[in-house]
């Protein structure tokens, strides 16, 4: 089977290298990630605890990742190697992560903070790559880009050093970004799919559109971009109006006298930041907490199955 047909055997929705539309691209790249950096690095098992309801079978995926990932990296711990491997596996993890990164309600991203902390910690330990990488968007979206425009990409953006990897998902038409990066991290040695030659651009990457759009063919357009040396720390700027409620401890499970239990962050022994409270009657509340009180940014599911947001 040829290289291109191998990738075409996958669905477009499965590609980490392509956004399906321009709105998705914009929302994923203009929402800063704020708060995860203050967490402590945890094991991969602990890091995925808050997302186990979002990704059925996540525990099995973690076990597989730990068995198949690089076992003796001179740069990364086993937990970090497994986190990268898990990200690249053929599961819906990266899709769910991107969905959370695009969410307007920023509390929806908080369950991902422990995984992001472990994953980005691993990426930052890898040497930076200086070279051209490729990422795509389905359809012709070139009207949204002009020469000398600046972009800051706050999400986790997967690219490839092989143009065919991204191009294979764009049929019948699409837009390719040719990005000259100076700080992207090559993860192909740690990937579940080494032939994808994957490079990840870290959150906070700043890019300059170098030239006008090149019409490579009637259905393929190319936008040339250059990474700017911004000295970014990959941390979102502080927002004085933000109410992120960053916890001071790792994810914990706590039982209560009424038979209910809580799984999430604690601060000074109180429910704080993000967590799930499971009521004795079968309902639950998933969302933000402040000093043991629900703060209204969450979803209440009742035992009857009805939901209130």
Protein backbone atom coordinates (compact mmCIF):
# COMPACT_ATOMS: atom_id res chain seq x y z
CA UNK A 1 0.00 0.00 0.00
CA UNK A 2 1.38 3.43 -0.88
CA UNK A 3 2.14 6.10 1.70
CA UNK A 4 -0.77 8.27 0.60
CA UNK A 5 -3.32 5.48 0.45
CA UNK A 6 -2.34 4.42 3.98
CA UNK A 7 -3.43 7.80 5.28
CA UNK A 8 -6.48 7.93 3.07
CA UNK A 9 -7.64 4.73 4.73
CA UNK A 10 -8.24 6.83 7.83
CA UNK A 11 -11.17 9.21 7.98
CA UNK A 12 -10.59 12.94 7.84
CA UNK A 13 -12.12 13.31 11.28
CA UNK A 14 -9.34 11.17 12.73
CA UNK A 15 -6.53 13.45 11.59
CA UNK A 16 -4.60 15.48 14.15
CA UNK A 17 -3.01 17.36 11.25
CA UNK A 18 -6.14 18.96 9.77
CA UNK A 19 -8.92 21.25 11.01
CA UNK A 20 -12.25 20.47 9.38
CA UNK A 21 -13.28 24.11 8.92
CA UNK A 22 -12.06 27.67 9.48
CA UNK A 23 -14.34 28.33 12.46
CA UNK A 24 -12.87 25.28 14.19
CA UNK A 25 -9.36 26.50 13.45
CA UNK A 26 -10.06 29.99 14.80
CA UNK A 27 -11.74 28.86 18.00
CA UNK A 28 -9.01 26.31 18.72
CA UNK A 29 -6.22 28.84 18.28
CA UNK A 30 -7.57 31.97 19.93
CA UNK A 31 -8.54 30.66 23.36
CA UNK A 32 -5.52 30.80 25.72
CA UNK A 33 -4.87 27.84 27.99
CA UNK A 34 -4.77 29.36 31.46
CA UNK A 35 -4.25 27.56 34.76
CA UNK A 36 -2.78 24.14 33.96
CA UNK A 37 0.82 25.26 34.45
CA UNK A 38 0.36 25.61 38.22
CA UNK A 39 -0.47 21.92 38.68
CA UNK A 40 2.08 19.34 39.75
CA UNK A 41 3.12 16.67 37.24
CA UNK A 42 1.27 13.43 37.97
CA UNK A 43 1.39 9.88 36.68
CA UNK A 44 -0.49 9.20 33.45
CA UNK A 45 -3.08 7.18 35.38
CA UNK A 46 -3.76 10.18 37.62
CA UNK A 47 -3.66 12.62 34.70
CA UNK A 48 -6.53 10.88 32.89
CA UNK A 49 -8.75 10.40 35.94
CA UNK A 50 -10.86 13.53 35.27
CA UNK A 51 -11.50 12.53 31.63
CA UNK A 52 -12.40 8.87 32.09
CA UNK A 53 -16.09 9.67 31.51
CA UNK A 54 -15.24 11.48 28.27
CA UNK A 55 -13.15 8.66 26.83
CA UNK A 56 -14.52 5.16 27.49
CA UNK A 57 -11.71 2.66 27.86
CA UNK A 58 -9.10 5.27 28.75
CA UNK A 59 -7.59 3.01 31.43
CA UNK A 60 -6.96 0.30 28.82
CA UNK A 61 -5.44 2.89 26.48
CA UNK A 62 -3.08 4.02 29.23
CA UNK A 63 -2.02 0.42 29.91
CA UNK A 64 -1.37 -0.10 26.20
CA UNK A 65 0.56 3.17 25.93
CA UNK A 66 2.80 2.25 28.84
CA UNK A 67 3.53 -1.14 27.30
CA UNK A 68 4.27 0.14 23.79
CA UNK A 69 5.92 3.51 24.39
CA UNK A 70 9.66 4.16 24.54
CA UNK A 71 10.83 2.54 27.77
CA UNK A 72 14.29 4.01 28.24
CA UNK A 73 14.34 7.54 26.85
CA UNK A 74 17.34 9.60 27.97
CA UNK A 75 15.16 12.72 27.84
CA UNK A 76 11.75 11.73 29.20
CA UNK A 77 10.29 9.73 32.05
CA UNK A 78 8.16 6.69 31.32
CA UNK A 79 5.04 8.69 32.23
CA UNK A 80 5.98 11.41 29.74
CA UNK A 81 6.76 8.91 26.98
CA UNK A 82 3.42 7.21 27.57
CA UNK A 83 1.55 10.55 27.50
CA UNK A 84 2.92 11.32 24.04
CA UNK A 85 2.17 7.80 22.83
CA UNK A 86 -1.39 8.06 24.17
CA UNK A 87 -1.93 11.36 22.36
CA UNK A 88 -0.95 9.76 19.04
CA UNK A 89 -2.97 6.55 19.41
CA UNK A 90 -5.99 5.95 17.15
CA UNK A 91 -8.54 6.92 19.80
CA UNK A 92 -10.82 9.90 20.25
CA UNK A 93 -8.55 11.46 22.89
CA UNK A 94 -7.10 14.14 20.63
CA UNK A 95 -10.55 14.96 19.25
CA UNK A 96 -11.98 15.37 22.73
CA UNK A 97 -8.97 17.46 23.75
CA UNK A 98 -9.42 19.73 20.74
CA UNK A 99 -13.13 20.02 21.51
CA UNK A 100 -12.29 21.18 25.02
CA UNK A 101 -9.70 23.62 23.69
CA UNK A 102 -12.38 25.13 21.42
CA UNK A 103 -15.04 25.37 24.14
CA UNK A 104 -16.30 28.87 24.91
CA UNK A 105 -17.00 27.77 28.48
CA UNK A 106 -13.41 27.52 29.63
CA UNK A 107 -14.26 25.35 32.63
CA UNK A 108 -14.82 22.53 30.14
CA UNK A 109 -11.05 22.45 29.60
CA UNK A 110 -10.21 22.02 33.29
CA UNK A 111 -10.61 18.21 33.36
CA UNK A 112 -7.78 18.14 30.82
CA UNK A 113 -5.36 20.20 32.90
CA UNK A 114 -3.52 17.22 34.50
CA UNK A 115 -3.00 15.57 31.10
CA UNK A 116 -1.95 18.87 29.51
CA UNK A 117 0.52 19.43 32.33
CA UNK A 118 2.14 16.02 31.80
CA UNK A 119 1.98 16.18 27.99
CA UNK A 120 3.37 19.71 27.62
CA UNK A 121 6.04 19.04 30.26
CA UNK A 122 7.17 16.14 28.07
CA UNK A 123 7.15 18.23 24.90
CA UNK A 124 9.21 21.01 26.47
CA UNK A 125 11.94 18.50 27.36
CA UNK A 126 12.44 17.57 23.70
CA UNK A 127 14.90 19.56 21.54
CA UNK A 128 13.36 22.27 19.33
CA UNK A 129 13.11 21.63 15.60
CA UNK A 130 14.24 24.18 13.05
CA UNK A 131 12.54 23.42 9.73
CA UNK A 132 9.34 23.38 7.70
CA UNK A 133 6.25 21.53 8.90
CA UNK A 134 2.78 21.18 7.41
CA UNK A 135 -0.75 21.53 8.74
CA UNK A 136 -4.04 21.84 6.86
CA UNK A 137 -7.63 23.04 6.85
CA UNK A 138 -10.29 21.43 4.68
CA UNK A 139 -11.54 23.83 1.99
CA UNK A 140 -10.23 27.13 0.62
CA UNK A 141 -9.99 29.49 3.60
CA UNK A 142 -7.27 31.73 2.23
CA UNK A 143 -9.44 34.85 2.41
CA UNK A 144 -8.91 34.77 6.17
CA UNK A 145 -5.14 35.30 5.87
CA UNK A 146 -3.12 38.28 4.64
CA UNK A 147 0.59 38.90 4.25
CA UNK A 148 2.31 40.20 7.43
CA UNK A 149 -0.60 39.18 9.65
CA UNK A 150 0.42 37.83 13.04
CA UNK A 151 -1.11 34.75 14.61
CA UNK A 152 -0.75 33.33 18.11
CA UNK A 153 -1.74 29.69 18.35
CA UNK A 154 -2.72 28.74 21.88
CA UNK A 155 -3.87 25.20 21.21
CA UNK A 156 -1.84 22.02 20.71
CA UNK A 157 -1.19 21.91 16.95
CA UNK A 158 0.02 18.72 15.30
CA UNK A 159 2.02 19.13 12.09
CA UNK A 160 4.16 16.86 9.95
CA UNK A 161 7.50 17.26 8.23
CA UNK A 162 5.97 15.25 5.35
CA UNK A 163 3.54 17.30 3.24
CA UNK A 164 1.77 14.11 2.11
CA UNK A 165 0.59 13.33 5.64
CA UNK A 166 -1.49 16.51 5.91
CA UNK A 167 -2.35 16.67 2.20
CA UNK A 168 -3.88 13.19 2.21
CA UNK A 169 -6.72 14.39 4.45
CA UNK A 170 -7.60 17.45 2.34
CA UNK A 171 -9.17 15.76 -0.69
CA UNK A 172 -10.92 17.08 -2.68
CA UNK A 173 -9.73 20.55 -1.65
CA UNK A 174 -7.94 22.30 1.15
CA UNK A 175 -5.46 24.84 2.45
CA UNK A 176 -2.00 23.87 3.65
CA UNK A 177 0.12 25.88 6.07
CA UNK A 178 3.84 25.68 5.29
CA UNK A 179 5.23 26.67 8.68
CA UNK A 180 8.90 27.35 9.28
CA UNK A 181 9.20 26.51 12.96
CA UNK A 182 12.11 27.10 15.29
CA UNK A 183 10.59 25.60 18.44
CA UNK A 184 8.31 22.77 17.30
CA UNK A 185 8.88 19.43 19.02
CA UNK A 186 9.37 16.31 16.92
CA UNK A 187 7.55 13.40 18.57
CA UNK A 188 7.82 10.75 15.85
CA UNK A 189 10.21 8.63 17.94
CA UNK A 190 7.61 8.52 20.73
CA UNK A 191 4.53 8.18 18.51
CA UNK A 192 2.21 5.26 17.94
CA UNK A 193 2.48 6.12 14.23
CA UNK A 194 6.12 6.91 13.54
CA UNK A 195 5.54 7.23 9.79
CA UNK A 196 3.44 10.36 10.39
CA UNK A 197 6.65 12.28 11.21
CA UNK A 198 4.73 14.39 13.68
CA UNK A 199 5.85 17.73 15.08
CA UNK A 200 3.83 19.54 17.74
CA UNK A 201 3.69 23.33 18.01
CA UNK A 202 3.37 24.24 21.66
CA UNK A 203 0.67 26.58 22.97
CA UNK A 204 1.70 30.21 22.62
CA UNK A 205 3.49 29.76 19.28
CA UNK A 206 3.57 33.06 17.38
CA UNK A 207 3.51 33.01 13.58
CA UNK A 208 3.93 35.62 10.85
CA UNK A 209 2.28 35.14 7.46
CA UNK A 210 5.20 35.61 5.11
CA UNK A 211 3.65 35.91 1.69
CA UNK A 212 0.45 35.91 -0.26
CA UNK A 213 -1.46 32.71 -0.88
CA UNK A 214 0.00 30.34 -3.45
CA UNK A 215 -2.53 28.55 -5.63
CA UNK A 216 -0.78 25.21 -5.95
CA UNK A 217 -3.65 23.80 -7.99
CA UNK A 218 -7.34 24.46 -8.50
CA UNK A 219 -8.09 22.69 -5.23
CA UNK A 220 -4.95 23.12 -3.09
CA UNK A 221 -3.79 26.42 -1.62
CA UNK A 222 -0.65 27.07 0.43
CA UNK A 223 -0.06 29.75 3.08
CA UNK A 224 3.57 30.34 4.10
CA UNK A 225 4.18 31.13 7.78
CA UNK A 226 7.29 31.87 9.85
CA UNK A 227 7.52 31.31 13.59
CA UNK A 228 8.50 34.46 15.45
CA UNK A 229 10.96 34.37 18.32
CA UNK A 230 8.66 35.67 21.01
CA UNK A 231 10.40 34.21 24.04
CA UNK A 232 7.05 32.76 25.04
CA UNK A 233 6.84 30.58 28.13
CA UNK A 234 3.86 28.74 26.64
CA UNK A 235 1.65 30.16 29.40
CA UNK A 236 -1.42 32.26 28.75
CA UNK A 237 -1.20 35.89 29.92
CA UNK A 238 -2.83 36.55 33.24
CA UNK A 239 -6.40 37.79 33.01
CA UNK A 240 -7.38 39.92 36.02
CA UNK A 241 -11.02 39.07 35.36
CA UNK A 242 -10.34 35.34 35.19
CA UNK A 243 -11.71 33.11 37.94
CA UNK A 244 -9.66 29.99 37.30
CA UNK A 245 -9.62 28.74 40.92
CA UNK A 246 -6.43 26.76 40.46
CA UNK A 247 -6.16 23.99 43.04
CA UNK A 248 -3.13 23.36 45.19
CA UNK A 249 -3.37 19.56 45.26
CA UNK A 250 -3.66 16.59 42.92
CA UNK A 251 -6.92 14.90 41.96
CA UNK A 252 -8.45 13.23 45.01
CA UNK A 253 -11.48 11.09 45.81
CA UNK A 254 -13.42 11.99 48.97
CA UNK A 255 -16.46 10.35 50.55
CA UNK A 256 -19.20 12.10 52.55
CA UNK A 257 -21.44 10.93 55.43
CA UNK A 258 -24.55 11.08 53.23
CA UNK A 259 -23.13 8.39 50.93
CA UNK A 260 -22.10 10.74 48.14
CA UNK A 261 -18.55 11.08 46.92
CA UNK A 262 -16.38 13.63 45.14
CA UNK A 263 -13.62 13.09 42.59
CA UNK A 264 -11.56 16.10 41.65
CA UNK A 265 -9.41 18.87 43.06
CA UNK A 266 -9.25 19.83 46.72
CA UNK A 267 -7.82 22.93 48.33
CA UNK A 268 -7.42 23.02 52.09
CA UNK A 269 -9.64 19.94 52.26
CA UNK A 270 -12.46 21.61 50.33
CA UNK A 271 -13.78 20.96 46.83
CA UNK A 272 -12.11 23.55 44.65
CA UNK A 273 -11.55 24.24 40.94
CA UNK A 274 -12.99 21.29 38.99
CA UNK A 275 -14.52 18.00 40.04
CA UNK A 276 -17.43 15.59 39.85
CA UNK A 277 -19.71 15.07 42.86
CA UNK A 278 -21.64 11.79 42.69
CA UNK A 279 -24.86 11.88 44.71
CA UNK A 280 -26.21 8.82 46.51
CA UNK A 281 -29.36 8.83 44.35
CA UNK A 282 -27.33 8.36 41.15
CA UNK A 283 -27.14 11.95 39.95
CA UNK A 284 -24.00 14.04 39.71
CA UNK A 285 -22.64 17.56 39.31
CA UNK A 286 -19.71 18.12 36.96
CA UNK A 287 -18.11 21.53 37.00
CA UNK A 288 -16.36 24.21 39.01
CA UNK A 289 -16.20 24.53 42.78
CA UNK A 290 -15.07 27.35 45.05
CA UNK A 291 -14.40 26.61 48.72
CA UNK A 292 -16.71 23.58 48.78
CA UNK A 293 -19.55 25.37 46.95
CA UNK A 294 -20.76 24.96 43.36
CA UNK A 295 -20.15 28.22 41.52
CA UNK A 296 -22.73 27.72 38.77
CA UNK A 297 -20.35 26.81 35.94
CA UNK A 298 -21.20 23.17 35.49
CA UNK A 299 -23.75 20.51 34.58
CA UNK A 300 -26.16 18.92 37.05
CA UNK A 301 -27.39 15.50 35.97
CA UNK A 302 -30.31 14.05 37.92
CA UNK A 303 -30.98 10.37 38.57
CA UNK A 304 -33.92 10.61 36.16
CA UNK A 305 -31.49 11.45 33.36
CA UNK A 306 -32.51 15.09 33.00
CA UNK A 307 -29.76 17.70 32.88
CA UNK A 308 -29.44 21.30 33.94
CA UNK A 309 -26.64 23.56 32.72
